[in-house]
Amino acid sequence: MSSFLPLIIIILIISIWLARRSKKSAANELYCQNCGRISIPKKITKGSFWIELVLWLCLIVPGFIYSIWRLTSRYTGCSLCTSANMIPVDSPKARRELSRGGEK
């Protein structure tokens, strides 16, 4: 039984990876009201990793505050223009905009 344990763990990891990957399908595409494109949204974190690193190296308190700010200001936005103004493709407004001029 113990010889099958690594195989079971590998199968479990692969199945979790495939399940998470399948969530990024065409059903998740949204219409960006800012640039007019249809894209799969991505998580966007404000600020800079390098500034965060320097602040952590200087003192713990500024680095901690900056890290908390970066984590709480995350949002899901357009993968092309990073705007947070995204709506479902099948919404009335997106359909109207797409029928006028199509996707940019």
Protein backbone atom coordinates (compact mmCIF):
# COMPACT_ATOMS: atom_id res chain seq x y z
CA MET A 1 0.00 0.00 0.00
CA SER A 2 2.80 2.43 0.86
CA SER A 3 4.38 1.91 -2.57
CA PHE A 4 1.24 3.34 -4.17
CA LEU A 5 1.25 6.45 -1.97
CA PRO A 6 3.56 8.54 -4.22
CA LEU A 7 1.50 7.56 -7.26
CA ILE A 8 -1.73 8.56 -5.52
CA ILE A 9 -0.22 11.90 -4.49
CA ILE A 10 0.97 12.61 -8.05
CA ILE A 11 -2.45 11.75 -9.49
CA LEU A 12 -4.12 13.98 -6.90
CA ILE A 13 -1.81 16.91 -7.70
CA ILE A 14 -2.36 16.53 -11.45
CA SER A 15 -6.13 16.32 -11.05
CA ILE A 16 -6.19 19.48 -8.89
CA TRP A 17 -4.02 21.30 -11.44
CA LEU A 18 -6.30 20.24 -14.31
CA ALA A 19 -9.42 21.27 -12.39
CA ARG A 20 -8.00 24.73 -11.66
CA ARG A 21 -6.82 25.11 -15.25
CA SER A 22 -10.23 24.24 -16.68
CA LYS A 23 -11.80 27.13 -14.74
CA LYS A 24 -10.02 29.52 -17.10
CA SER A 25 -12.24 28.69 -20.02
CA ALA A 26 -14.23 30.80 -22.45
CA ALA A 27 -17.07 30.94 -19.92
CA ASN A 28 -14.87 33.21 -17.80
CA GLU A 29 -14.34 35.75 -20.55
CA LEU A 30 -15.56 39.24 -19.74
CA TYR A 31 -16.10 42.41 -21.77
CA CYS A 32 -13.90 45.35 -20.77
CA GLN A 33 -15.85 48.60 -20.81
CA ASN A 34 -12.61 50.58 -20.89
CA CYS A 35 -10.83 49.12 -23.94
CA GLY A 36 -13.76 47.22 -25.51
CA ARG A 37 -12.00 43.86 -25.65
CA ILE A 38 -13.13 40.45 -24.56
CA SER A 39 -10.54 38.80 -22.36
CA ILE A 40 -10.06 36.46 -19.45
CA PRO A 41 -9.59 38.65 -16.36
CA LYS A 42 -6.46 38.38 -14.26
CA LYS A 43 -5.64 39.31 -10.68
CA ILE A 44 -3.82 42.61 -10.49
CA THR A 45 -1.87 43.76 -7.46
CA LYS A 46 -1.17 47.46 -7.03
CA GLY A 47 2.28 48.64 -6.04
CA SER A 48 5.71 47.22 -6.70
CA PHE A 49 7.34 44.05 -5.49
CA TRP A 50 10.74 45.77 -5.43
CA ILE A 51 9.50 48.60 -3.21
CA GLU A 52 7.98 46.02 -0.91
CA LEU A 53 11.28 44.15 -0.74
CA VAL A 54 13.25 47.32 0.07
CA LEU A 55 10.76 48.27 2.78
CA TRP A 56 11.02 44.80 4.33
CA LEU A 57 14.81 45.06 4.30
CA CYS A 58 14.72 48.51 5.95
CA LEU A 59 12.27 47.85 8.75
CA ILE A 60 9.55 45.36 9.51
CA VAL A 61 6.74 47.88 10.17
CA PRO A 62 6.83 49.75 6.81
CA GLY A 63 7.22 46.49 4.91
CA PHE A 64 4.31 44.95 6.78
CA ILE A 65 2.06 47.97 6.17
CA TYR A 66 2.95 48.06 2.46
CA SER A 67 2.37 44.30 2.11
CA ILE A 68 -1.04 44.56 3.76
CA TRP A 69 -1.96 47.46 1.44
CA ARG A 70 -0.87 45.48 -1.64
CA LEU A 71 -2.84 42.40 -0.58
CA THR A 72 -6.01 44.34 0.23
CA SER A 73 -5.89 46.38 -2.99
CA ARG A 74 -5.86 43.35 -5.31
CA TYR A 75 -8.55 43.27 -7.93
CA THR A 76 -9.59 41.28 -10.96
CA GLY A 77 -9.19 43.31 -14.11
CA CYS A 78 -8.71 43.27 -17.85
CA SER A 79 -5.62 41.39 -18.90
CA LEU A 80 -4.98 43.96 -21.64
CA CYS A 81 -5.56 47.39 -20.06
CA THR A 82 -5.75 46.39 -16.32
CA SER A 83 -9.09 48.19 -15.89
CA ALA A 84 -11.53 46.86 -13.29
CA ASN A 85 -14.54 47.80 -15.49
CA MET A 86 -15.37 44.32 -16.73
CA ILE A 87 -18.83 42.88 -17.27
CA PRO A 88 -20.10 39.49 -18.49
CA VAL A 89 -20.11 39.09 -22.27
CA ASP A 90 -23.77 38.08 -22.24
CA SER A 91 -24.92 41.21 -20.37
CA PRO A 92 -27.19 43.62 -22.27
CA LYS A 93 -24.63 46.43 -22.25
CA ALA A 94 -21.83 44.21 -23.58
CA ARG A 95 -24.10 42.79 -26.29
CA ARG A 96 -25.09 46.32 -27.33
CA GLU A 97 -21.48 47.52 -27.49
CA LEU A 98 -20.33 44.42 -29.38
CA SER A 99 -23.16 44.74 -31.90
CA ARG A 100 -22.25 48.38 -32.59
CA GLY A 101 -18.62 47.96 -33.45
CA GLY A 102 -17.55 44.50 -32.49
CA GLU A 103 -14.50 43.70 -30.42
CA LYS A 104 -11.63 46.13 -30.87
